[in-house]
Amino acid sequence: MNWSEEQVLALIAYREHNEHMQLLAAAHHWTELGQADTVCWGQGQEGEQVWRAGVDSASAQFACSCPDGSHPCVHSVALLLFWMRTPVHFPLAEPPEWMTWWQAERPADAARTGGRTRYTPIWVVQKALEHPDQPERLARQQHGAATLATWLQALLAEGLPFAQYLFSSIWENQIAHLFEHELPGLGRALRQIAVLRHQPGPQALDDLLAALGDLYLLTQAFQHPEPLSPAEREDVRLRAGIHLLARERVLATQPGVADTWRVLARHTQPEERFGPWYHRRTWLWGQRTGRYALWLESDWNPPPSSSGLQPRGQYTGPLHFYPSAYPLRATLDLAGWVRQQSGGEMVPPGISPWQLAEAYAAALQQQPWLTEWPVTLGPVVPVLTSPTEVQLYHPQEQCLVPLHGPAQEVWQLLATSAGAPLAVFGEWNGQALQPWAHWAVAASPTELSTP
């Protein structure tokens, strides 16, 4: 395809982005430039942001390692514009390894789809949930896990900087491959790593290596489950996104845990790959047993706010936990549950950061594939540790607990507290807490009241 400068400029519609793109089409922003036939590539930098970009002008395909979700992004279009204006800056050379990966992994229909990855139809996912144990499906999943393990080995063999600046489209193609092989759990884990590689700071490469290592170990456990106990096998399958036990079988085969359950938090999020497909997560806590439980619901459309258990509601009934070395996920039959209309509000007692570390280590020892662990911290005081960062300060142990997650939830803690201690419930990932609910600390250290 023979490009004109007007055609290249038209690729970026917004005026501000177009002006930014033209500023980037200059020599001082680029290094490691090269060209071969209809392909050009280069590494760019603006401030502290570094990226790698490539363009195939013949098939109009663009790729970049930046986190920008637009296609094409300003970096790849700026590279094409720079190449057109001053080709002398692009010496003829063999494509580097990161360009070779892109050329090898582009799907056959990339020219038709503009480089965008394919999406798995929703009916495929629904069919997998209804018939999870078909031999051909299990064989396809094993093949998908083996392919991912091989891909991770090749990625790490090139080094962490290579993984850090690998084109985003290559990550997305591999993620799409996992969804096509009906391994949504592995696909979501790989997407989290693709986002993590853009994390700034001195710990960025260490975190990236740890995440890649965890995912590789998970693929090995999935392919070779023989040494694992039955409960551990269920954990591995669930982490990979395979639900071998349907809800009805759990209700029929797993004993119910009767208690009075408090709904601590509930939030709904869309599935990023399946269009109108939504997941609702409800966290509960049992007054007598002291157990946390996670109830998951999925549907084509957002579940109505009036359905299911209501936030801060208290109910009496049995929960049925899925088999696991550390059971957290549970299901229930709402027909057998009774809502408590009176009585004091019950909430879990808060623990200290040191107790959190000990309890989390014990949980990981039982179930190493935990991705989120429920905990209530308290009493803690939300404090501003930088102009943009809020952390939880524990006065007795004089230590800080980092937070992550939606900014609205984090800043709401600071506003609600106004310097007063709170108990905060959330999901701990081993490094930071994602807050989902909070209460003001009452006079008794084990009882809380709503603010």
Protein backbone atom coordinates (compact mmCIF):
# COMPACT_ATOMS: atom_id res chain seq x y z
CA MET A 1 0.00 0.00 0.00
CA ASN A 2 1.39 3.38 -1.03
CA TRP A 3 0.66 5.85 1.74
CA SER A 4 0.26 9.59 1.38
CA GLU A 5 0.97 11.88 4.31
CA GLU A 6 -2.69 12.91 4.37
CA GLN A 7 -3.74 9.26 4.74
CA VAL A 8 -1.33 8.75 7.63
CA LEU A 9 -2.51 11.88 9.42
CA ALA A 10 -6.12 10.77 8.98
CA LEU A 11 -5.42 7.62 11.04
CA ILE A 12 -5.50 9.72 14.22
CA ALA A 13 -8.87 11.45 14.37
CA TYR A 14 -8.62 13.67 17.47
CA ARG A 15 -6.79 16.93 16.85
CA GLU A 16 -4.84 16.83 20.14
CA HIS A 17 -3.71 13.24 19.50
CA ASN A 18 -2.83 14.11 15.91
CA GLU A 19 -0.65 17.01 17.04
CA HIS A 20 1.03 14.77 19.61
CA MET A 21 1.64 12.11 16.96
CA GLN A 22 3.35 14.62 14.66
CA LEU A 23 5.61 15.76 17.49
CA LEU A 24 6.67 12.14 18.03
CA ALA A 25 7.62 11.76 14.33
CA ALA A 26 11.08 13.18 15.03
CA ALA A 27 14.54 11.62 15.32
CA HIS A 28 15.17 12.56 18.96
CA HIS A 29 12.24 10.34 20.05
CA TRP A 30 13.51 7.17 18.34
CA THR A 31 16.37 4.65 18.52
CA GLU A 32 16.98 1.14 17.16
CA LEU A 33 15.32 2.12 13.89
CA GLY A 34 15.31 -0.21 10.89
CA GLN A 35 13.44 -1.35 7.81
CA ALA A 36 13.12 -4.44 5.64
CA ASP A 37 10.89 -4.59 2.56
CA THR A 38 7.54 -3.09 3.61
CA VAL A 39 8.22 -3.24 7.35
CA CYS A 40 9.76 -0.66 9.68
CA TRP A 41 10.41 -0.68 13.42
CA GLY A 42 11.90 1.38 16.21
CA GLN A 43 12.11 2.00 19.94
CA GLY A 44 10.72 5.31 21.14
CA GLN A 45 10.81 7.31 24.32
CA GLU A 46 9.03 10.38 25.65
CA GLY A 47 9.91 11.36 29.19
CA GLU A 48 9.98 8.14 31.21
CA GLN A 49 7.68 6.25 28.85
CA VAL A 50 9.43 3.76 26.57
CA TRP A 51 7.78 1.75 23.81
CA ARG A 52 8.56 -0.39 20.78
CA ALA A 53 6.55 -0.03 17.60
CA GLY A 54 6.35 -1.69 14.21
CA VAL A 55 4.46 -1.11 10.97
CA ASP A 56 3.78 -3.24 7.92
CA SER A 57 2.84 -0.63 5.34
CA ALA A 58 1.78 -3.20 2.72
CA SER A 59 -0.96 -4.79 4.86
CA ALA A 60 -1.68 -1.65 6.95
CA GLN A 61 -0.86 -3.40 10.22
CA PHE A 62 0.39 -1.52 13.26
CA ALA A 63 1.78 -2.78 16.56
CA CYS A 64 3.12 -1.18 19.73
CA SER A 65 4.06 -2.20 23.26
CA CYS A 66 2.34 0.78 24.90
CA PRO A 67 -0.79 0.32 27.06
CA ASP A 68 -2.90 2.54 24.79
CA GLY A 69 -6.04 0.66 23.82
CA SER A 70 -6.56 2.51 20.52
CA HIS A 71 -5.60 0.89 17.23
CA PRO A 72 -3.44 2.18 15.73
CA CYS A 73 -1.86 4.19 18.54
CA VAL A 74 -0.02 7.51 18.17
CA HIS A 75 3.37 5.80 18.52
CA SER A 76 2.99 3.36 15.62
CA VAL A 77 1.46 6.02 13.36
CA ALA A 78 4.25 8.45 14.31
CA LEU A 79 6.77 5.76 13.32
CA LEU A 80 5.14 5.39 9.89
CA LEU A 81 5.04 9.15 9.40
CA PHE A 82 8.70 9.48 10.42
CA TRP A 83 9.63 6.66 8.01
CA MET A 84 7.79 8.33 5.14
CA ARG A 85 9.34 11.74 5.78
CA THR A 86 12.94 10.67 6.46
CA PRO A 87 13.60 7.08 5.34
CA VAL A 88 17.35 7.72 5.61
CA HIS A 89 17.03 7.27 9.41
CA PHE A 90 15.88 3.66 8.84
CA PRO A 91 18.81 1.47 7.78
CA LEU A 92 18.17 -1.79 5.97
CA ALA A 93 18.57 -4.61 8.49
CA GLU A 94 17.28 -7.95 9.65
CA PRO A 95 14.20 -7.47 11.88
CA PRO A 96 14.98 -7.79 15.60
CA GLU A 97 13.55 -10.69 17.58
CA TRP A 98 10.60 -8.68 18.89
CA MET A 99 9.59 -7.88 15.29
CA THR A 100 10.02 -11.51 14.29
CA TRP A 101 7.61 -12.57 17.03
CA TRP A 102 5.01 -10.14 15.70
CA GLN A 103 5.40 -11.30 12.11
CA ALA A 104 5.13 -14.94 13.17
CA GLU A 105 2.15 -14.56 15.51
CA ARG A 106 -0.11 -12.36 13.40
CA PRO A 107 -3.34 -14.25 12.72
CA ALA A 108 -4.07 -15.20 9.14
CA ASP A 109 -6.97 -12.77 8.97
CA ALA A 110 -5.01 -9.87 10.49
CA ALA A 111 -5.12 -7.87 7.26
CA ARG A 112 -8.89 -8.18 7.18
CA THR A 113 -9.37 -7.37 10.87
CA GLY A 114 -6.83 -4.55 10.98
CA GLY A 115 -4.66 -6.45 13.46
CA ARG A 116 -7.38 -6.79 16.06
CA THR A 117 -7.64 -10.09 17.88
CA ARG A 118 -10.60 -12.37 17.50
CA TYR A 119 -13.23 -12.87 20.16
CA THR A 120 -14.73 -16.11 21.37
CA PRO A 121 -18.51 -16.26 20.79
CA ILE A 122 -20.54 -16.22 23.98
CA TRP A 123 -22.33 -19.47 23.07
CA VAL A 124 -18.97 -21.29 23.14
CA VAL A 125 -18.40 -20.17 26.73
CA GLN A 126 -21.93 -21.09 27.78
CA LYS A 127 -21.60 -24.55 26.19
CA ALA A 128 -18.32 -25.12 28.05
CA LEU A 129 -20.01 -24.32 31.34
CA GLU A 130 -22.86 -26.74 30.61
CA HIS A 131 -20.61 -29.62 29.48
CA PRO A 132 -17.23 -29.14 31.17
CA ASP A 133 -16.00 -32.74 31.19
CA GLN A 134 -16.26 -33.78 27.53
CA PRO A 135 -13.04 -35.61 26.51
CA GLU A 136 -12.49 -33.49 23.40
CA ARG A 137 -12.90 -30.32 25.45
CA LEU A 138 -10.42 -31.49 28.08
CA ALA A 139 -7.93 -32.42 25.34
CA ARG A 140 -8.30 -28.97 23.78
CA GLN A 141 -7.71 -27.35 27.17
CA GLN A 142 -4.61 -29.45 27.75
CA HIS A 143 -3.30 -28.35 24.36
CA GLY A 144 -3.98 -24.70 25.20
CA ALA A 145 -2.11 -24.98 28.50
CA ALA A 146 0.86 -26.71 26.82
CA THR A 147 1.02 -24.00 24.16
CA LEU A 148 1.01 -21.30 26.84
CA ALA A 149 3.83 -23.05 28.75
CA THR A 150 5.96 -23.20 25.60
CA TRP A 151 5.21 -19.53 24.86
CA LEU A 152 6.20 -18.49 28.39
CA GLN A 153 9.46 -20.45 28.17
CA ALA A 154 10.36 -18.73 24.89
CA LEU A 155 9.38 -15.35 26.34
CA LEU A 156 11.56 -15.73 29.43
CA ALA A 157 14.45 -17.05 27.34
CA GLU A 158 14.57 -13.64 25.63
CA GLY A 159 14.77 -11.81 28.96
CA LEU A 160 12.43 -9.63 31.02
CA PRO A 161 13.01 -6.39 29.05
CA PHE A 162 11.90 -8.30 25.95
CA ALA A 163 8.67 -9.31 27.71
CA GLN A 164 8.21 -5.80 29.04
CA TYR A 165 8.29 -4.20 25.58
CA LEU A 166 6.73 -6.97 23.51
CA PHE A 167 3.95 -5.71 21.25
CA SER A 168 0.55 -5.55 22.95
CA SER A 169 -1.04 -7.34 19.98
CA ILE A 170 1.19 -10.38 20.63
CA TRP A 171 -0.09 -10.56 24.22
CA GLU A 172 -3.67 -10.16 23.02
CA ASN A 173 -3.29 -12.90 20.42
CA GLN A 174 -1.99 -15.30 23.05
CA ILE A 175 -4.84 -14.32 25.40
CA ALA A 176 -7.35 -14.92 22.58
CA HIS A 177 -5.76 -18.33 21.99
CA LEU A 178 -6.41 -19.28 25.63
CA PHE A 179 -10.04 -18.18 25.45
CA GLU A 180 -10.48 -20.14 22.21
CA HIS A 181 -9.16 -23.21 24.06
CA GLU A 182 -11.71 -22.53 26.83
CA LEU A 183 -9.17 -21.54 29.49
CA PRO A 184 -10.59 -18.16 30.58
CA GLY A 185 -8.80 -18.26 33.94
CA LEU A 186 -5.40 -18.54 32.26
CA GLY A 187 -6.43 -15.86 29.77
CA ARG A 188 -7.37 -13.42 32.51
CA ALA A 189 -4.13 -14.16 34.37
CA LEU A 190 -2.10 -13.43 31.23
CA ARG A 191 -4.01 -10.20 30.68
CA GLN A 192 -3.16 -9.09 34.22
CA ILE A 193 0.51 -9.72 33.44
CA ALA A 194 0.21 -7.76 30.19
CA VAL A 195 -1.02 -4.81 32.25
CA LEU A 196 1.56 -5.40 34.99
CA ARG A 197 4.47 -5.06 32.56
CA HIS A 198 3.69 -1.33 32.27
CA GLN A 199 4.00 -0.86 36.03
CA PRO A 200 6.61 1.80 36.92
CA GLY A 201 9.08 1.67 39.78
CA PRO A 202 12.11 -0.35 40.88
CA GLN A 203 9.99 -3.42 41.70
CA ALA A 204 8.44 -3.61 38.23
CA LEU A 205 10.70 -6.33 36.79
CA ASP A 206 10.63 -8.38 40.01
CA ASP A 207 6.82 -8.32 40.02
CA LEU A 208 6.73 -9.23 36.32
CA LEU A 209 9.06 -12.18 36.84
CA ALA A 210 7.06 -13.42 39.83
CA ALA A 211 3.77 -13.21 37.90
CA LEU A 212 5.20 -15.03 34.88
CA GLY A 213 6.66 -17.71 37.15
CA ASP A 214 3.35 -18.23 38.96
CA LEU A 215 1.50 -18.59 35.66
CA TYR A 216 4.04 -21.08 34.34
CA LEU A 217 3.76 -23.18 37.52
CA LEU A 218 -0.01 -23.13 37.12
CA THR A 219 0.27 -24.49 33.56
CA GLN A 220 2.51 -27.29 34.85
CA ALA A 221 0.08 -28.18 37.62
CA PHE A 222 -2.77 -28.19 35.10
CA GLN A 223 -0.92 -30.49 32.69
CA HIS A 224 0.42 -32.82 35.40
CA PRO A 225 -2.20 -33.08 38.17
CA GLU A 226 -1.20 -36.60 39.28
CA PRO A 227 0.79 -35.57 42.42
CA LEU A 228 -2.01 -33.28 43.62
CA SER A 229 -4.79 -34.19 46.03
CA PRO A 230 -8.39 -34.14 44.72
CA ALA A 231 -9.02 -30.79 46.43
CA GLU A 232 -5.84 -29.30 44.97
CA ARG A 233 -6.82 -30.50 41.50
CA GLU A 234 -10.12 -28.70 41.84
CA ASP A 235 -8.24 -25.52 42.81
CA VAL A 236 -6.01 -25.75 39.74
CA ARG A 237 -8.96 -26.35 37.41
CA LEU A 238 -10.90 -23.49 38.94
CA ARG A 239 -7.89 -21.17 38.61
CA ALA A 240 -7.67 -22.14 34.94
CA GLY A 241 -11.34 -21.25 34.52
CA ILE A 242 -12.78 -24.77 34.31
CA HIS A 243 -15.86 -25.45 36.42
CA LEU A 244 -16.10 -29.25 36.56
CA LEU A 245 -18.74 -29.11 39.28
CA ALA A 246 -21.95 -27.44 38.25
CA ARG A 247 -23.88 -25.49 40.89
CA GLU A 248 -26.55 -28.19 41.13
CA ARG A 249 -23.95 -30.87 41.85
CA VAL A 250 -22.36 -28.73 44.58
CA LEU A 251 -25.75 -28.24 46.23
CA ALA A 252 -26.44 -31.97 46.01
CA THR A 253 -23.05 -33.36 47.05
CA GLN A 254 -21.42 -30.81 49.36
CA PRO A 255 -22.72 -30.48 52.94
CA GLY A 256 -24.32 -27.17 53.82
CA VAL A 257 -22.71 -24.87 56.38
CA ALA A 258 -25.60 -23.33 58.32
CA ASP A 259 -25.04 -19.91 59.86
CA THR A 260 -26.27 -16.35 59.99
CA TRP A 261 -24.46 -14.70 57.10
CA ARG A 262 -23.72 -11.01 56.69
CA VAL A 263 -23.39 -9.62 53.15
CA LEU A 264 -20.17 -7.62 53.37
CA ALA A 265 -19.81 -6.42 49.79
CA ARG A 266 -21.19 -6.96 46.31
CA HIS A 267 -19.93 -5.69 42.98
CA THR A 268 -20.64 -6.45 39.33
CA GLN A 269 -18.13 -6.25 36.48
CA PRO A 270 -18.35 -7.02 32.74
CA GLU A 271 -16.32 -9.80 31.17
CA GLU A 272 -13.78 -8.03 29.01
CA ARG A 273 -13.89 -10.51 26.13
CA PHE A 274 -17.50 -11.62 25.75
CA GLY A 275 -19.50 -8.43 25.30
CA PRO A 276 -22.71 -8.55 27.36
CA TRP A 277 -21.40 -11.08 29.87
CA TYR A 278 -21.28 -10.02 33.51
CA HIS A 279 -19.96 -11.41 36.78
CA ARG A 280 -21.30 -10.49 40.21
CA ARG A 281 -19.15 -11.16 43.26
CA THR A 282 -20.78 -11.26 46.70
CA TRP A 283 -18.69 -11.65 49.86
CA LEU A 284 -20.35 -13.05 52.99
CA TRP A 285 -19.23 -13.66 56.57
CA GLY A 286 -20.71 -16.15 59.03
CA GLN A 287 -21.32 -15.00 62.59
CA ARG A 288 -20.98 -18.43 64.24
CA THR A 289 -18.31 -20.01 62.04
CA GLY A 290 -16.31 -16.84 61.35
CA ARG A 291 -15.90 -18.01 57.74
CA TYR A 292 -15.77 -15.87 54.63
CA ALA A 293 -17.52 -17.04 51.47
CA LEU A 294 -17.59 -15.81 47.87
CA TRP A 295 -20.76 -16.25 45.84
CA LEU A 296 -20.30 -15.80 42.07
CA GLU A 297 -23.09 -15.14 39.60
CA SER A 298 -22.76 -14.81 35.81
CA ASP A 299 -25.28 -13.77 33.19
CA TRP A 300 -25.57 -12.20 29.75
CA ASN A 301 -26.82 -8.95 31.24
CA PRO A 302 -26.10 -7.17 34.54
CA PRO A 303 -28.08 -8.94 37.30
CA PRO A 304 -30.87 -6.68 38.59
CA SER A 305 -29.96 -4.88 41.81
CA SER A 306 -33.07 -6.35 43.46
CA SER A 307 -32.04 -9.96 42.80
CA GLY A 308 -30.07 -12.14 45.17
CA LEU A 309 -28.68 -11.01 48.49
CA GLN A 310 -28.79 -7.35 49.39
CA PRO A 311 -25.70 -5.43 50.55
CA ARG A 312 -25.40 -5.27 54.36
CA GLY A 313 -28.24 -7.75 54.65
CA GLN A 314 -28.17 -10.56 57.21
CA TYR A 315 -29.54 -13.97 56.31
CA THR A 316 -29.89 -17.36 57.95
CA GLY A 317 -29.35 -20.43 55.80
CA PRO A 318 -26.83 -23.00 54.54
CA LEU A 319 -23.91 -22.28 52.22
CA HIS A 320 -22.40 -25.08 50.13
CA PHE A 321 -18.66 -24.65 49.49
CA TYR A 322 -16.97 -25.89 46.33
CA PRO A 323 -14.26 -28.52 46.94
CA SER A 324 -10.95 -26.81 47.63
CA ALA A 325 -7.86 -27.09 49.79
CA TYR A 326 -8.94 -23.70 51.21
CA PRO A 327 -12.68 -23.36 50.47
CA LEU A 328 -13.85 -19.83 49.73
CA ARG A 329 -16.17 -20.08 46.74
CA ALA A 330 -19.68 -21.18 47.68
CA THR A 331 -23.19 -21.38 46.32
CA LEU A 332 -26.62 -21.31 47.89
CA ASP A 333 -30.30 -21.92 47.31
CA LEU A 334 -32.08 -18.65 48.03
CA ALA A 335 -35.35 -20.50 48.55
CA GLY A 336 -34.04 -21.87 51.83
CA TRP A 337 -32.70 -18.57 53.18
CA VAL A 338 -34.47 -16.22 55.64
CA ARG A 339 -33.56 -12.56 55.96
CA GLN A 340 -33.08 -11.26 59.49
CA GLN A 341 -35.26 -8.22 60.03
CA SER A 342 -34.12 -7.25 63.54
CA GLY A 343 -31.13 -7.49 65.83
CA GLY A 344 -27.82 -5.67 65.92
CA GLU A 345 -25.66 -5.39 62.85
CA MET A 346 -22.97 -8.05 62.88
CA VAL A 347 -19.61 -7.53 61.22
CA PRO A 348 -16.34 -9.46 61.32
CA PRO A 349 -13.71 -8.48 63.88
CA GLY A 350 -10.73 -6.64 62.47
CA ILE A 351 -7.22 -8.05 62.62
CA SER A 352 -3.83 -6.33 62.61
CA PRO A 353 -1.35 -6.25 59.69
CA TRP A 354 0.92 -8.81 61.39
CA GLN A 355 -2.04 -11.12 61.92
CA LEU A 356 -2.90 -10.58 58.24
CA ALA A 357 0.59 -11.67 57.18
CA GLU A 358 0.48 -14.82 59.32
CA ALA A 359 -3.04 -15.82 58.28
CA TYR A 360 -2.35 -15.18 54.59
CA ALA A 361 0.83 -17.28 54.72
CA ALA A 362 -1.14 -20.12 56.30
CA ALA A 363 -3.81 -19.84 53.60
CA LEU A 364 -1.20 -19.93 50.82
CA GLN A 365 0.35 -23.00 52.37
CA GLN A 366 -2.97 -24.77 51.94
CA GLN A 367 -3.93 -23.28 48.58
CA PRO A 368 -1.05 -21.65 46.63
CA TRP A 369 -3.32 -20.53 43.76
CA LEU A 370 -5.24 -17.95 45.78
CA THR A 371 -5.67 -14.79 43.76
CA GLU A 372 -7.67 -12.81 46.33
CA TRP A 373 -8.03 -13.45 50.04
CA PRO A 374 -10.81 -11.88 52.16
CA VAL A 375 -9.76 -10.01 55.28
CA THR A 376 -11.03 -7.31 57.62
CA LEU A 377 -8.37 -4.96 58.99
CA GLY A 378 -8.99 -2.80 62.02
CA PRO A 379 -8.71 -0.52 63.71
CA VAL A 380 -6.91 1.38 60.92
CA VAL A 381 -6.83 5.02 59.88
CA PRO A 382 -6.71 5.96 56.17
CA VAL A 383 -3.86 8.44 55.65
CA LEU A 384 -2.54 10.37 52.67
CA THR A 385 1.05 9.21 52.14
CA SER A 386 1.58 11.18 48.91
CA PRO A 387 -0.47 13.61 46.84
CA THR A 388 -2.07 10.66 45.03
CA GLU A 389 -1.74 7.70 47.40
CA VAL A 390 -3.86 6.59 50.36
CA GLN A 391 -2.74 3.84 52.75
CA LEU A 392 -4.12 2.31 55.95
CA TYR A 393 -2.22 3.14 59.14
CA HIS A 394 -2.47 0.73 62.07
CA PRO A 395 -1.82 2.78 65.25
CA GLN A 396 -0.93 -0.12 67.53
CA GLU A 397 1.61 -1.75 65.22
CA GLN A 398 2.60 1.60 63.64
CA CYS A 399 2.73 0.25 60.10
CA LEU A 400 1.09 1.04 56.77
CA VAL A 401 -0.96 -1.25 54.54
CA PRO A 402 -0.98 -0.30 50.81
CA LEU A 403 -4.25 -0.09 48.87
CA HIS A 404 -5.16 -0.71 45.25
CA GLY A 405 -8.31 -0.90 43.17
CA PRO A 406 -10.93 1.65 42.07
CA ALA A 407 -9.89 5.16 43.07
CA GLN A 408 -13.45 5.92 44.20
CA GLU A 409 -13.33 3.20 46.86
CA VAL A 410 -9.89 4.26 48.08
CA TRP A 411 -10.65 7.97 48.37
CA GLN A 412 -14.04 7.26 49.96
CA LEU A 413 -12.18 5.64 52.85
CA LEU A 414 -10.22 8.83 53.47
CA ALA A 415 -13.33 10.99 53.27
CA THR A 416 -15.41 8.75 55.54
CA SER A 417 -12.74 8.38 58.17
CA ALA A 418 -11.82 12.05 58.60
CA GLY A 419 -9.05 10.84 60.91
CA ALA A 420 -11.18 8.39 62.90
CA PRO A 421 -10.35 4.65 62.97
CA LEU A 422 -12.22 2.24 60.71
CA ALA A 423 -12.48 -1.47 60.09
CA VAL A 424 -11.94 -2.16 56.38
CA PHE A 425 -12.98 -5.31 54.53
CA GLY A 426 -11.33 -6.12 51.23
CA GLU A 427 -9.42 -8.56 49.05
CA TRP A 428 -5.71 -9.00 49.79
CA ASN A 429 -3.50 -10.07 46.85
CA GLY A 430 -0.27 -10.49 48.78
CA GLN A 431 0.91 -6.92 48.25
CA ALA A 432 -2.04 -4.58 48.67
CA LEU A 433 -5.67 -4.51 49.82
CA GLN A 434 -8.57 -3.73 47.53
CA PRO A 435 -11.20 -2.21 49.85
CA TRP A 436 -14.87 -3.07 49.33
CA ALA A 437 -16.55 -2.11 52.63
CA HIS A 438 -15.75 -0.23 55.83
CA TRP A 439 -17.26 0.56 59.21
CA ALA A 440 -16.48 2.97 62.02
CA VAL A 441 -14.88 1.32 65.02
CA ALA A 442 -17.19 1.15 68.05
CA ALA A 443 -16.17 1.12 71.70
CA SER A 444 -15.68 -2.64 71.76
CA PRO A 445 -12.62 -3.79 69.80
CA THR A 446 -14.56 -6.73 68.32
CA GLU A 447 -17.77 -4.92 67.39
CA LEU A 448 -18.31 -2.33 64.70
CA SER A 449 -21.17 -0.02 63.80
CA THR A 450 -22.07 1.66 60.56
CA PRO A 451 -20.81 5.21 60.11
